[in-house]
C-alpha atoms as a PDB file:
ATOM      1  CA  MET A   1     -26.199  39.244 -40.492  1.00  0.00           C
ATOM      2  CA  THR A   2     -27.529  42.247 -38.455  1.00  0.00           C
ATOM      3  CA  GLU A   3     -29.342  40.805 -35.597  1.00  0.00           C
ATOM      4  CA  VAL A   4     -32.819  42.776 -35.546  1.00  0.00           C
ATOM      5  CA  ARG A   5     -34.756  42.998 -32.120  1.00  0.00           C
ATOM      6  CA  ASP A   6     -38.127  44.919 -31.406  1.00  0.00           C
ATOM      7  CA  VAL A   7     -38.173  47.705 -29.162  1.00  0.00           C
ATOM      8  CA  GLU A   8     -39.592  45.899 -26.096  1.00  0.00           C
ATOM      9  CA  THR A   9     -36.835  42.826 -26.506  1.00  0.00           C
ATOM     10  CA  SER A  10     -34.039  45.983 -26.770  1.00  0.00           C
ATOM     11  CA  ARG A  11     -34.946  47.616 -23.121  1.00  0.00           C
ATOM     12  CA  ARG A  12     -33.694  44.024 -21.567  1.00  0.00           C
ATOM     13  CA  PRO A  13     -30.932  44.379 -19.400  1.00  0.00           C
ATOM     14  CA  ALA A  14     -27.556  43.037 -21.254  1.00  0.00           C
ATOM     15  CA  GLY A  15     -26.546  41.353 -18.007  1.00  0.00           C
ATOM     16  CA  PHE A  16     -26.148  41.754 -14.391  1.00  0.00           C
ATOM     17  CA  THR A  17     -25.683  45.593 -13.395  1.00  0.00           C
ATOM     18  CA  GLN A  18     -25.457  47.990 -10.451  1.00  0.00           C
ATOM     19  CA  GLU A  19     -27.721  50.527 -12.424  1.00  0.00           C
ATOM     20  CA  GLN A  20     -31.235  51.029 -11.987  1.00  0.00           C
ATOM     21  CA  LEU A  21     -33.469  48.942 -13.573  1.00  0.00           C
ATOM     22  CA  ASP A  22     -37.417  49.133 -13.833  1.00  0.00           C
ATOM     23  CA  TRP A  23     -39.483  45.734 -13.614  1.00  0.00           C
ATOM     24  CA  VAL A  24     -42.382  45.171 -15.780  1.00  0.00           C
ATOM     25  CA  PRO A  25     -45.288  43.056 -14.117  1.00  0.00           C
ATOM     26  CA  TRP A  26     -46.953  40.588 -16.370  1.00  0.00           C
ATOM     27  CA  VAL A  27     -50.367  40.805 -14.382  1.00  0.00           C
ATOM     28  CA  GLU A  28     -51.729  44.337 -13.847  1.00  0.00           C
ATOM     29  CA  PRO A  29     -51.113  45.618 -10.454  1.00  0.00           C
ATOM     30  CA  ILE A  30     -53.955  47.545  -8.472  1.00  0.00           C
ATOM     31  CA  ALA A  31     -53.786  51.297  -9.374  1.00  0.00           C
ATOM     32  CA  LEU A  32     -53.026  53.324  -6.272  1.00  0.00           C
ATOM     33  CA  ALA A  33     -55.994  55.060  -6.471  1.00  0.00           C
ATOM     34  CA  ASP A  34     -58.307  52.320  -6.184  1.00  0.00           C
ATOM     35  CA  ALA A  35     -56.585  50.457  -3.092  1.00  0.00           C
ATOM     36  CA  ASP A  36     -58.592  49.831  -0.181  1.00  0.00           C
ATOM     37  CA  ASP A  37     -58.320  50.155   3.339  1.00  0.00           C
ATOM     38  CA  ARG A  38     -55.787  46.856   4.181  1.00  0.00           C
ATOM     39  CA  GLN A  39     -54.300  47.713   0.818  1.00  0.00           C
ATOM     40  CA  LYS A  40     -53.540  51.442   1.369  1.00  0.00           C
ATOM     41  CA  PRO A  41     -50.705  51.422   4.702  1.00  0.00           C
ATOM     42  CA  LEU A  42     -48.624  48.760   2.621  1.00  0.00           C
ATOM     43  CA  LEU A  43     -48.419  51.290  -0.164  1.00  0.00           C
ATOM     44  CA  GLU A  44     -47.216  53.931   1.671  1.00  0.00           C
ATOM     45  CA  GLY A  45     -44.211  56.285   0.253  1.00  0.00           C
ATOM     46  CA  GLN A  46     -42.402  54.816  -2.400  1.00  0.00           C
ATOM     47  CA  ARG A  47     -43.795  51.264  -2.240  1.00  0.00           C
ATOM     48  CA  GLY A  48     -46.954  52.731  -3.837  1.00  0.00           C
ATOM     49  CA  GLU A  49     -44.832  54.078  -6.988  1.00  0.00           C
ATOM     50  CA  SER A  50     -43.872  50.480  -7.141  1.00  0.00           C
ATOM     51  CA  PRO A  51     -45.486  48.149  -9.870  1.00  0.00           C
ATOM     52  CA  TYR A  52     -44.050  45.268  -7.987  1.00  0.00           C
ATOM     53  CA  PHE A  53     -45.630  46.451  -4.445  1.00  0.00           C
ATOM     54  CA  ARG A  54     -48.663  47.285  -6.034  1.00  0.00           C
ATOM     55  CA  LEU A  55     -49.396  43.876  -7.838  1.00  0.00           C
ATOM     56  CA  LEU A  56     -48.621  42.146  -4.578  1.00  0.00           C
ATOM     57  CA  ALA A  57     -51.305  44.100  -2.687  1.00  0.00           C
ATOM     58  CA  ARG A  58     -53.788  42.191  -4.509  1.00  0.00           C
ATOM     59  CA  ASN A  59     -53.056  40.003  -1.523  1.00  0.00           C
ATOM     60  CA  ALA A  60     -52.981  42.431   1.474  1.00  0.00           C
ATOM     61  CA  GLU A  61     -52.380  39.933   3.951  1.00  0.00           C
ATOM     62  CA  VAL A  62     -49.374  38.085   2.230  1.00  0.00           C
ATOM     63  CA  LEU A  63     -47.615  41.520   1.732  1.00  0.00           C
ATOM     64  CA  ALA A  64     -48.175  42.714   4.927  1.00  0.00           C
ATOM     65  CA  GLU A  65     -46.173  39.399   6.161  1.00  0.00           C
ATOM     66  CA  ARG A  66     -43.706  39.765   3.752  1.00  0.00           C
ATOM     67  CA  SER A  67     -42.991  43.257   4.336  1.00  0.00           C
ATOM     68  CA  ALA A  68     -42.307  42.283   8.085  1.00  0.00           C
ATOM     69  CA  ASN A  69     -39.959  39.677   7.079  1.00  0.00           C
ATOM     70  CA  ASP A  70     -38.159  42.059   5.011  1.00  0.00           C
ATOM     71  CA  LYS A  71     -37.369  44.752   7.127  1.00  0.00           C
ATOM     72  CA  GLU A  72     -36.614  42.348  10.137  1.00  0.00           C
ATOM     73  CA  ILE A  73     -33.952  40.202   7.889  1.00  0.00           C
ATOM     74  CA  PHE A  74     -32.349  43.231   6.464  1.00  0.00           C
ATOM     75  CA  TYR A  75     -32.682  46.306   9.148  1.00  0.00           C
ATOM     76  CA  GLY A  76     -32.466  43.744  12.542  1.00  0.00           C
ATOM     77  CA  ARG A  77     -30.120  45.691  15.082  1.00  0.00           C
ATOM     78  CA  ASP A  78     -27.906  42.682  16.348  1.00  0.00           C
ATOM     79  CA  GLY A  79     -25.936  40.024  14.124  1.00  0.00           C
ATOM     80  CA  LEU A  80     -24.762  39.895  10.587  1.00  0.00           C
ATOM     81  CA  SER A  81     -24.144  43.691   9.358  1.00  0.00           C
ATOM     82  CA  ARG A  82     -26.403  45.028   7.068  1.00  0.00           C
ATOM     83  CA  ALA A  83     -23.774  45.323   3.935  1.00  0.00           C
ATOM     84  CA  GLU A  84     -23.188  41.461   4.338  1.00  0.00           C
ATOM     85  CA  ARG A  85     -27.045  40.983   4.575  1.00  0.00           C
ATOM     86  CA  GLU A  86     -27.198  42.759   1.365  1.00  0.00           C
ATOM     87  CA  LEU A  87     -24.205  40.855  -0.155  1.00  0.00           C
ATOM     88  CA  ALA A  88     -26.310  37.624   0.677  1.00  0.00           C
ATOM     89  CA  ALA A  89     -29.099  38.814  -0.941  1.00  0.00           C
ATOM     90  CA  THR A  90     -26.802  39.977  -4.033  1.00  0.00           C
ATOM     91  CA  VAL A  91     -25.351  36.508  -4.368  1.00  0.00           C
ATOM     92  CA  THR A  92     -28.563  34.737  -4.103  1.00  0.00           C
ATOM     93  CA  SER A  93     -29.945  36.972  -6.461  1.00  0.00           C
ATOM     94  CA  ARG A  94     -27.025  36.933  -9.011  1.00  0.00           C
ATOM     95  CA  HIS A  95     -27.051  32.728  -8.422  1.00  0.00           C
ATOM     96  CA  ASN A  96     -30.948  32.560  -9.125  1.00  0.00           C
ATOM     97  CA  GLY A  97     -30.372  34.826 -12.158  1.00  0.00           C
ATOM     98  CA  CYS A  98     -32.660  37.594 -11.039  1.00  0.00           C
ATOM     99  CA  GLU A  99     -31.444  40.925 -12.612  1.00  0.00           C
ATOM    100  CA  TYR A 100     -33.443  43.065 -11.017  1.00  0.00           C
ATOM    101  CA  CYS A 101     -32.909  41.646  -7.333  1.00  0.00           C
ATOM    102  CA  ALA A 102     -29.336  41.447  -8.283  1.00  0.00           C
ATOM    103  CA  SER A 103     -29.179  45.780  -9.485  1.00  0.00           C
ATOM    104  CA  VAL A 104     -31.289  46.687  -6.429  1.00  0.00           C
ATOM    105  CA  HIS A 105     -29.168  44.804  -3.872  1.00  0.00           C
ATOM    106  CA  SER A 106     -25.705  44.960  -5.626  1.00  0.00           C
ATOM    107  CA  ARG A 107     -25.888  48.668  -4.918  1.00  0.00           C
ATOM    108  CA  PHE A 108     -26.826  48.774  -1.463  1.00  0.00           C
ATOM    109  CA  THR A 109     -24.168  46.035  -0.881  1.00  0.00           C
ATOM    110  CA  SER A 110     -21.682  48.725  -2.966  1.00  0.00           C
ATOM    111  CA  GLN A 111     -23.014  51.549  -0.901  1.00  0.00           C
ATOM    112  CA  LEU A 112     -22.825  50.030   2.512  1.00  0.00           C
ATOM    113  CA  SER A 113     -19.357  48.235   1.786  1.00  0.00           C
ATOM    114  CA  LYS A 114     -17.688  50.839  -0.162  1.00  0.00           C
ATOM    115  CA  ARG A 115     -16.381  48.193  -2.448  1.00  0.00           C
ATOM    116  CA  THR A 116     -18.205  48.720  -5.750  1.00  0.00           C
ATOM    117  CA  ASP A 117     -15.434  47.136  -7.672  1.00  0.00           C
ATOM    118  CA  ASP A 118     -15.694  43.599  -5.706  1.00  0.00           C
ATOM    119  CA  VAL A 119     -19.332  43.634  -6.276  1.00  0.00           C
ATOM    120  CA  GLN A 120     -19.221  44.470  -9.823  1.00  0.00           C
ATOM    121  CA  ARG A 121     -16.589  41.313 -10.129  1.00  0.00           C
ATOM    122  CA  LEU A 122     -19.167  39.276  -8.526  1.00  0.00           C
ATOM    123  CA  LEU A 123     -22.008  40.790 -11.027  1.00  0.00           C
ATOM    124  CA  ASP A 124     -19.688  39.935 -13.989  1.00  0.00           C
ATOM    125  CA  GLU A 125     -17.971  36.602 -13.444  1.00  0.00           C
ATOM    126  CA  GLY A 126     -21.099  35.057 -10.907  1.00  0.00           C
ATOM    127  CA  VAL A 127     -20.888  33.190  -7.801  1.00  0.00           C
ATOM    128  CA  GLY A 128     -17.612  31.227  -8.577  1.00  0.00           C
ATOM    129  CA  VAL A 129     -15.313  34.926  -8.260  1.00  0.00           C
ATOM    130  CA  ARG A 130     -12.866  34.792  -5.644  1.00  0.00           C
ATOM    131  CA  ILE A 131     -12.816  38.188  -3.686  1.00  0.00           C
ATOM    132  CA  ASP A 132     -11.130  37.542  -0.425  1.00  0.00           C
ATOM    133  CA  GLU A 133     -11.238  35.128   2.643  1.00  0.00           C
ATOM    134  CA  ARG A 134     -14.495  36.333   4.649  1.00  0.00           C
ATOM    135  CA  TRP A 135     -16.851  37.410   1.172  1.00  0.00           C
ATOM    136  CA  ASP A 136     -15.580  34.055  -0.597  1.00  0.00           C
ATOM    137  CA  ALA A 137     -17.183  31.948   2.661  1.00  0.00           C
ATOM    138  CA  VAL A 138     -20.225  34.084   2.165  1.00  0.00           C
ATOM    139  CA  ILE A 139     -20.639  33.771  -1.431  1.00  0.00           C
ATOM    140  CA  ASP A 140     -20.142  30.121  -1.383  1.00  0.00           C
ATOM    141  CA  PHE A 141     -22.241  29.118   1.377  1.00  0.00           C
ATOM    142  CA  VAL A 142     -24.868  31.404  -0.004  1.00  0.00           C
ATOM    143  CA  ALA A 143     -24.776  30.016  -3.476  1.00  0.00           C
ATOM    144  CA  ALA A 144     -24.464  26.557  -2.414  1.00  0.00           C
ATOM    145  CA  LEU A 145     -27.657  27.097   0.496  1.00  0.00           C
ATOM    146  CA  ALA A 146     -29.671  28.988  -2.786  1.00  0.00           C
ATOM    147  CA  ALA A 147     -29.204  26.020  -5.080  1.00  0.00           C
ATOM    148  CA  GLN A 148     -32.024  23.577  -5.838  1.00  0.00           C
ATOM    149  CA  PRO A 149     -31.717  21.238  -4.258  1.00  0.00           C
ATOM    150  CA  PRO A 150     -29.804  22.954  -1.571  1.00  0.00           C
ATOM    151  CA  ARG A 151     -25.745  21.608  -1.209  1.00  0.00           C
ATOM    152  CA  ALA A 152     -24.868  23.699   1.870  1.00  0.00           C
ATOM    153  CA  GLU A 153     -22.698  21.308   4.328  1.00  0.00           C
ATOM    154  CA  ALA A 154     -21.020  21.624   7.328  1.00  0.00           C
ATOM    155  CA  GLU A 155     -17.302  22.573   5.683  1.00  0.00           C
ATOM    156  CA  HIS A 156     -19.199  26.027   4.823  1.00  0.00           C
ATOM    157  CA  LEU A 157     -20.288  26.731   8.303  1.00  0.00           C
ATOM    158  CA  ALA A 158     -17.048  25.533   9.546  1.00  0.00           C
ATOM    159  CA  ARG A 159     -15.619  27.936   7.229  1.00  0.00           C
ATOM    160  CA  LEU A 160     -17.417  30.584   8.220  1.00  0.00           C
ATOM    161  CA  ARG A 161     -16.961  30.159  11.802  1.00  0.00           C
ATOM    162  CA  ALA A 162     -13.184  30.444  10.814  1.00  0.00           C
ATOM    163  CA  VAL A 163     -13.150  33.807   9.313  1.00  0.00           C
ATOM    164  CA  GLY A 164     -15.071  35.042  12.119  1.00  0.00           C
ATOM    165  CA  PHE A 165     -18.621  34.611  11.988  1.00  0.00           C
ATOM    166  CA  SER A 166     -20.785  34.340  15.261  1.00  0.00           C
ATOM    167  CA  GLU A 167     -23.913  31.918  15.508  1.00  0.00           C
ATOM    168  CA  ASN A 168     -25.991  34.950  15.368  1.00  0.00           C
ATOM    169  CA  GLU A 169     -24.629  36.298  12.075  1.00  0.00           C
ATOM    170  CA  ILE A 170     -24.817  32.733  10.156  1.00  0.00           C
ATOM    171  CA  HIS A 171     -28.382  32.792  11.171  1.00  0.00           C
ATOM    172  CA  ASP A 172     -28.943  35.662   9.624  1.00  0.00           C
ATOM    173  CA  LEU A 173     -27.160  34.648   6.568  1.00  0.00           C
ATOM    174  CA  VAL A 174     -29.398  32.018   6.327  1.00  0.00           C
ATOM    175  CA  LEU A 175     -32.756  34.157   6.377  1.00  0.00           C
ATOM    176  CA  SER A 176     -31.297  36.687   3.991  1.00  0.00           C
ATOM    177  CA  THR A 177     -30.776  33.936   1.643  1.00  0.00           C
ATOM    178  CA  ALA A 178     -33.973  31.862   2.206  1.00  0.00           C
ATOM    179  CA  SER A 179     -35.945  35.058   1.817  1.00  0.00           C
ATOM    180  CA  PHE A 180     -34.165  36.378  -1.376  1.00  0.00           C
ATOM    181  CA  SER A 181     -34.320  32.786  -2.703  1.00  0.00           C
ATOM    182  CA  TRP A 182     -38.287  33.197  -2.392  1.00  0.00           C
ATOM    183  CA  ALA A 183     -38.199  36.993  -3.773  1.00  0.00           C
ATOM    184  CA  ASN A 184     -36.477  35.968  -6.422  1.00  0.00           C
ATOM    185  CA  ARG A 185     -38.599  33.379  -7.622  1.00  0.00           C
ATOM    186  CA  LEU A 186     -41.886  35.384  -7.093  1.00  0.00           C
ATOM    187  CA  MET A 187     -40.224  38.387  -9.185  1.00  0.00           C
ATOM    188  CA  LEU A 188     -39.134  36.327 -12.083  1.00  0.00           C
ATOM    189  CA  SER A 189     -42.682  34.499 -12.388  1.00  0.00           C
ATOM    190  CA  LEU A 190     -44.522  37.620 -12.299  1.00  0.00           C
ATOM    191  CA  GLY A 191     -42.409  40.049 -14.432  1.00  0.00           C
ATOM    192  CA  GLU A 192     -39.250  41.164 -15.974  1.00  0.00           C
ATOM    193  CA  PRO A 193     -36.728  43.934 -15.960  1.00  0.00           C
ATOM    194  CA  GLU A 194     -36.379  46.806 -17.874  1.00  0.00           C
ATOM    195  CA  VAL A 195     -33.806  49.475 -18.778  1.00  0.00           C
ATOM    196  CA  PRO A 196     -35.154  52.399 -17.911  1.00  0.00           C
ATOM    197  CA  VAL A 197     -36.198  54.722 -21.004  1.00  0.00           C
ATOM    198  CA  THR A 198     -34.019  58.126 -20.510  1.00  0.00           C
ATOM    199  CA  SER A 199     -34.917  61.615 -22.186  1.00  0.00           C
END
């Protein structure tokens, strides 16, 4: 018997992907034209086109803090490489089941690390995937830290140090994981991903 799926359901992604996805909120975002003086600076550029940011702009103070936090964690000059910050976000999103966030940050990880096939294996196989000593140490630590309740232990930290991570780099891994554990839960509770309509 053939399964019948309605149009809306059929636009859900079939699994984790590096392809670009849309995100559809369940709560009405503000219209960009209706943004007030507190909201407008937070929605400059591409953010104004994003229903996610226009929804978060309903609480401008929280969005301002969230944006500053995100910028510092992912674009800080010292510590962990940007590729491994993005890897941590990808692992966290894969662990938490956030297909939208995983698609965004897996693309960044692939672009920055030039390891598209390894990133796709992570998406396909999940956080139990084995890639190489350094990435495996990151994946195992991040997945353990993102778990509810967290199950990261001293052994995870010792393993990271053994493959060359500094204390500052480990700190950045913790921040990236914590930030995306929060971001995933927000996205999963406020909307869902969709495959874009192609013309």
